[in-house]
Amino acid sequence: MDTLGKIAVVFIILGAVLLAGPVYGFTSIASERGVQVSTAEGTSAYLGMESTDNSVNGVDGTAVAILHNNLESDMTFTDISIDITGDNNLLDESNTPTEIGAGNNKTVDVVCEETVGGPPDGASGVANIHITVEQADANGVTITDASLKFDSGYDCHQSADDENQDESGEECDGPPWGQGGKPDNC
């Protein structure tokens, strides 16, 4: 047998082994390849995030963002943070969700910090709010590094407990702070 004949026999045997592989215990042949996936923006992502454009104006909490669970299973946040920066750092988070039911929404609420004796200097302004979900899990799906940055206006005044007192604690006439402006004699 010449060299070409020997090579042909080797290829025939190799082909028979490859074809017989699935029959003798090999159930699949796989290869790894890189896959690049982009995330959806806004409310259509698995974890949708949007600002409400609400202005914060009190100590009761204002919804500044809505988180949407667009999956068919409950979502649990294992690491979520709210970073608020601004002119006077007068805002604080009041409601940060830890889970969202399947197909439901939850809000992120922000409040004015409690102040006593009337509005502080610079009681109104604009704050930059940055919501970061480091990790959220939902029945086999893990969402990482989702974030939303936006600006929110605020107008923070005296707390509800001291709403009709001037800086010295004296009673004032007129509407409370944040409900129509400054009381008449304050």
Protein backbone atom coordinates (compact mmCIF):
# COMPACT_ATOMS: atom_id res chain seq x y z
CA MET A 1 0.00 0.00 0.00
CA ASP A 2 1.34 3.34 -0.90
CA THR A 3 1.41 6.43 1.34
CA LEU A 4 -1.78 7.89 -0.09
CA GLY A 5 -3.65 4.66 0.65
CA LYS A 6 -2.42 4.63 4.26
CA ILE A 7 -3.59 8.23 4.80
CA ALA A 8 -7.01 7.36 3.34
CA VAL A 9 -7.42 4.41 5.75
CA VAL A 10 -6.49 6.64 8.71
CA PHE A 11 -9.12 9.21 7.70
CA ILE A 12 -11.78 6.51 7.29
CA ILE A 13 -11.06 5.12 10.75
CA LEU A 14 -11.02 8.62 12.26
CA GLY A 15 -14.38 9.42 10.61
CA ALA A 16 -15.93 6.20 11.91
CA VAL A 17 -14.77 7.02 15.46
CA LEU A 18 -16.23 10.52 15.27
CA LEU A 19 -19.56 9.23 13.94
CA ALA A 20 -19.72 6.46 16.55
CA GLY A 21 -18.99 8.86 19.42
CA PRO A 22 -22.62 9.77 20.21
CA VAL A 23 -23.58 6.10 20.18
CA TYR A 24 -20.92 5.13 22.73
CA GLY A 25 -21.62 7.62 25.54
CA PHE A 26 -20.89 11.03 24.10
CA THR A 27 -24.11 13.01 24.26
CA SER A 28 -22.94 16.37 23.08
CA ILE A 29 -19.98 18.25 21.78
CA ALA A 30 -19.66 21.85 22.89
CA SER A 31 -17.36 24.73 22.30
CA GLU A 32 -17.13 27.94 24.25
CA ARG A 33 -17.31 31.27 22.56
CA GLY A 34 -17.69 34.78 23.89
CA VAL A 35 -21.12 36.35 23.81
CA GLN A 36 -21.64 40.05 24.20
CA VAL A 37 -25.02 41.12 25.58
CA SER A 38 -26.21 44.70 25.84
CA THR A 39 -28.61 45.86 28.49
CA ALA A 40 -31.82 47.68 27.87
CA GLU A 41 -32.16 51.27 29.02
CA GLY A 42 -34.93 52.74 31.15
CA THR A 43 -38.03 50.83 32.14
CA SER A 44 -37.77 47.93 29.65
CA ALA A 45 -34.73 46.24 31.25
CA TYR A 46 -35.12 43.25 33.57
CA LEU A 47 -34.70 45.83 36.34
CA GLY A 48 -36.20 49.01 34.94
CA MET A 49 -35.22 52.28 36.59
CA GLU A 50 -36.69 55.74 36.02
CA SER A 51 -36.83 59.07 37.82
CA THR A 52 -40.22 60.57 38.66
CA ASP A 53 -39.24 64.24 38.20
CA ASN A 54 -40.84 64.93 41.61
CA SER A 55 -39.43 67.73 43.72
CA VAL A 56 -38.75 66.85 47.36
CA ASN A 57 -40.62 69.19 49.68
CA GLY A 58 -41.16 67.68 53.09
CA VAL A 59 -40.36 65.20 55.81
CA ASP A 60 -43.00 62.65 54.76
CA GLY A 61 -41.06 61.21 51.82
CA THR A 62 -41.26 61.91 48.12
CA ALA A 63 -40.96 59.22 45.45
CA VAL A 64 -38.00 60.27 43.30
CA ALA A 65 -37.51 57.02 41.37
CA ILE A 66 -39.45 53.91 40.37
CA LEU A 67 -37.85 50.47 40.11
CA HIS A 68 -39.64 48.01 37.77
CA ASN A 69 -39.29 44.22 38.06
CA ASN A 70 -39.89 43.04 34.49
CA LEU A 71 -39.21 39.38 35.27
CA GLU A 72 -41.72 36.63 35.98
CA SER A 73 -40.25 35.95 39.45
CA ASP A 74 -39.68 37.97 42.60
CA MET A 75 -36.51 40.07 42.71
CA THR A 76 -34.39 40.54 45.85
CA PHE A 77 -31.77 43.27 46.18
CA THR A 78 -28.64 42.02 47.90
CA ASP A 79 -26.84 45.35 47.51
CA ILE A 80 -28.52 48.67 46.69
CA SER A 81 -27.30 52.16 47.58
CA ILE A 82 -28.61 55.70 47.29
CA ASP A 83 -26.04 58.50 47.09
CA ILE A 84 -27.39 62.05 47.43
CA THR A 85 -25.19 65.09 46.89
CA GLY A 86 -26.20 68.68 46.52
CA ASP A 87 -25.98 72.27 47.62
CA ASN A 88 -26.53 71.73 51.36
CA ASN A 89 -26.96 67.95 51.80
CA LEU A 90 -30.49 68.48 53.13
CA LEU A 91 -31.92 65.23 51.72
CA ASP A 92 -31.89 61.71 53.05
CA GLU A 93 -33.28 58.41 51.77
CA SER A 94 -36.43 57.22 53.53
CA ASN A 95 -37.56 54.16 51.58
CA THR A 96 -35.19 51.87 49.73
CA PRO A 97 -36.82 48.64 48.55
CA THR A 98 -35.23 45.28 49.39
CA GLU A 99 -37.45 43.21 47.09
CA ILE A 100 -40.00 43.63 44.30
CA GLY A 101 -42.64 41.08 43.37
CA ALA A 102 -42.82 39.67 39.84
CA GLY A 103 -44.08 42.30 37.40
CA ASN A 104 -44.42 44.95 40.12
CA ASN A 105 -42.88 48.35 40.85
CA LYS A 106 -41.51 49.98 44.00
CA THR A 107 -40.45 53.56 44.67
CA VAL A 108 -37.29 55.01 46.14
CA ASP A 109 -38.34 57.80 48.51
CA VAL A 110 -36.30 60.76 49.71
CA VAL A 111 -37.10 63.20 52.53
CA CYS A 112 -35.86 66.54 53.75
CA GLU A 113 -33.78 66.12 56.87
CA GLU A 114 -35.54 67.27 60.03
CA THR A 115 -34.85 70.95 60.66
CA VAL A 116 -35.86 73.08 63.64
CA GLY A 117 -36.52 76.80 63.75
CA GLY A 118 -37.55 77.49 60.20
CA PRO A 119 -35.89 76.89 56.89
CA PRO A 120 -32.11 76.56 56.97
CA ASP A 121 -29.99 78.77 54.76
CA GLY A 122 -30.25 77.42 51.25
CA ALA A 123 -33.45 75.49 52.00
CA SER A 124 -34.07 74.93 48.32
CA GLY A 125 -31.88 73.77 45.52
CA VAL A 126 -31.01 70.82 43.34
CA ALA A 127 -29.59 67.50 44.52
CA ASN A 128 -27.90 64.85 42.42
CA ILE A 129 -29.28 61.40 43.22
CA HIS A 130 -27.41 58.25 42.21
CA ILE A 131 -29.13 54.90 42.74
CA THR A 132 -26.88 51.86 42.31
CA VAL A 133 -28.01 48.25 42.40
CA GLU A 134 -24.78 46.29 42.83
CA GLN A 135 -26.69 42.98 42.76
CA ALA A 136 -30.28 41.78 42.46
CA ASP A 137 -31.34 38.13 42.20
CA ALA A 138 -34.48 36.61 40.70
CA ASN A 139 -34.91 32.84 40.18
CA GLY A 140 -31.69 32.10 38.32
CA VAL A 141 -31.15 35.63 36.98
CA THR A 142 -28.56 37.90 38.56
CA ILE A 143 -28.52 41.60 37.72
CA THR A 144 -25.35 43.53 38.54
CA ASP A 145 -24.23 47.15 38.36
CA ALA A 146 -27.51 48.78 37.34
CA SER A 147 -27.54 52.50 38.05
CA LEU A 148 -29.60 55.62 37.58
CA LYS A 149 -28.36 59.21 37.98
CA PHE A 150 -30.63 62.23 37.94
CA ASP A 151 -31.18 65.65 39.48
CA SER A 152 -34.08 66.40 41.81
CA GLY A 153 -35.22 69.77 43.04
CA TYR A 154 -35.93 70.24 46.73
CA ASP A 155 -37.51 72.85 48.99
CA CYS A 156 -36.85 71.84 52.59
CA HIS A 157 -38.34 73.71 55.49
CA GLN A 158 -39.02 73.22 59.17
CA SER A 159 -40.22 69.80 60.39
CA ALA A 160 -43.89 69.08 61.04
CA ASP A 161 -43.29 68.95 64.84
CA ASP A 162 -42.14 72.59 64.96
CA GLU A 163 -44.00 73.85 61.91
CA ASN A 164 -45.47 77.02 63.41
CA GLN A 165 -42.52 78.24 65.47
CA ASP A 166 -39.97 80.89 64.65
CA GLU A 167 -36.23 80.48 65.33
CA SER A 168 -36.71 81.29 69.04
CA GLY A 169 -39.56 78.78 69.43
CA GLU A 170 -42.37 81.39 69.52
CA GLU A 171 -45.67 80.47 67.88
CA CYS A 172 -46.35 82.00 64.44
CA ASP A 173 -49.61 82.80 62.65
CA GLY A 174 -50.49 81.44 59.23
CA PRO A 175 -49.84 78.25 57.34
CA PRO A 176 -47.10 75.85 58.51
CA TRP A 177 -43.71 75.82 56.81
CA GLY A 178 -43.90 74.07 53.44
CA GLN A 179 -47.68 74.56 53.15
CA GLY A 180 -47.99 77.91 51.48
CA GLY A 181 -44.75 79.52 52.54
CA LYS A 182 -43.52 81.24 55.69
CA PRO A 183 -46.03 81.81 58.54
CA ASP A 184 -47.10 85.47 58.83
CA ASN A 185 -45.18 86.69 61.88
CA CYS A 186 -42.05 84.54 61.66
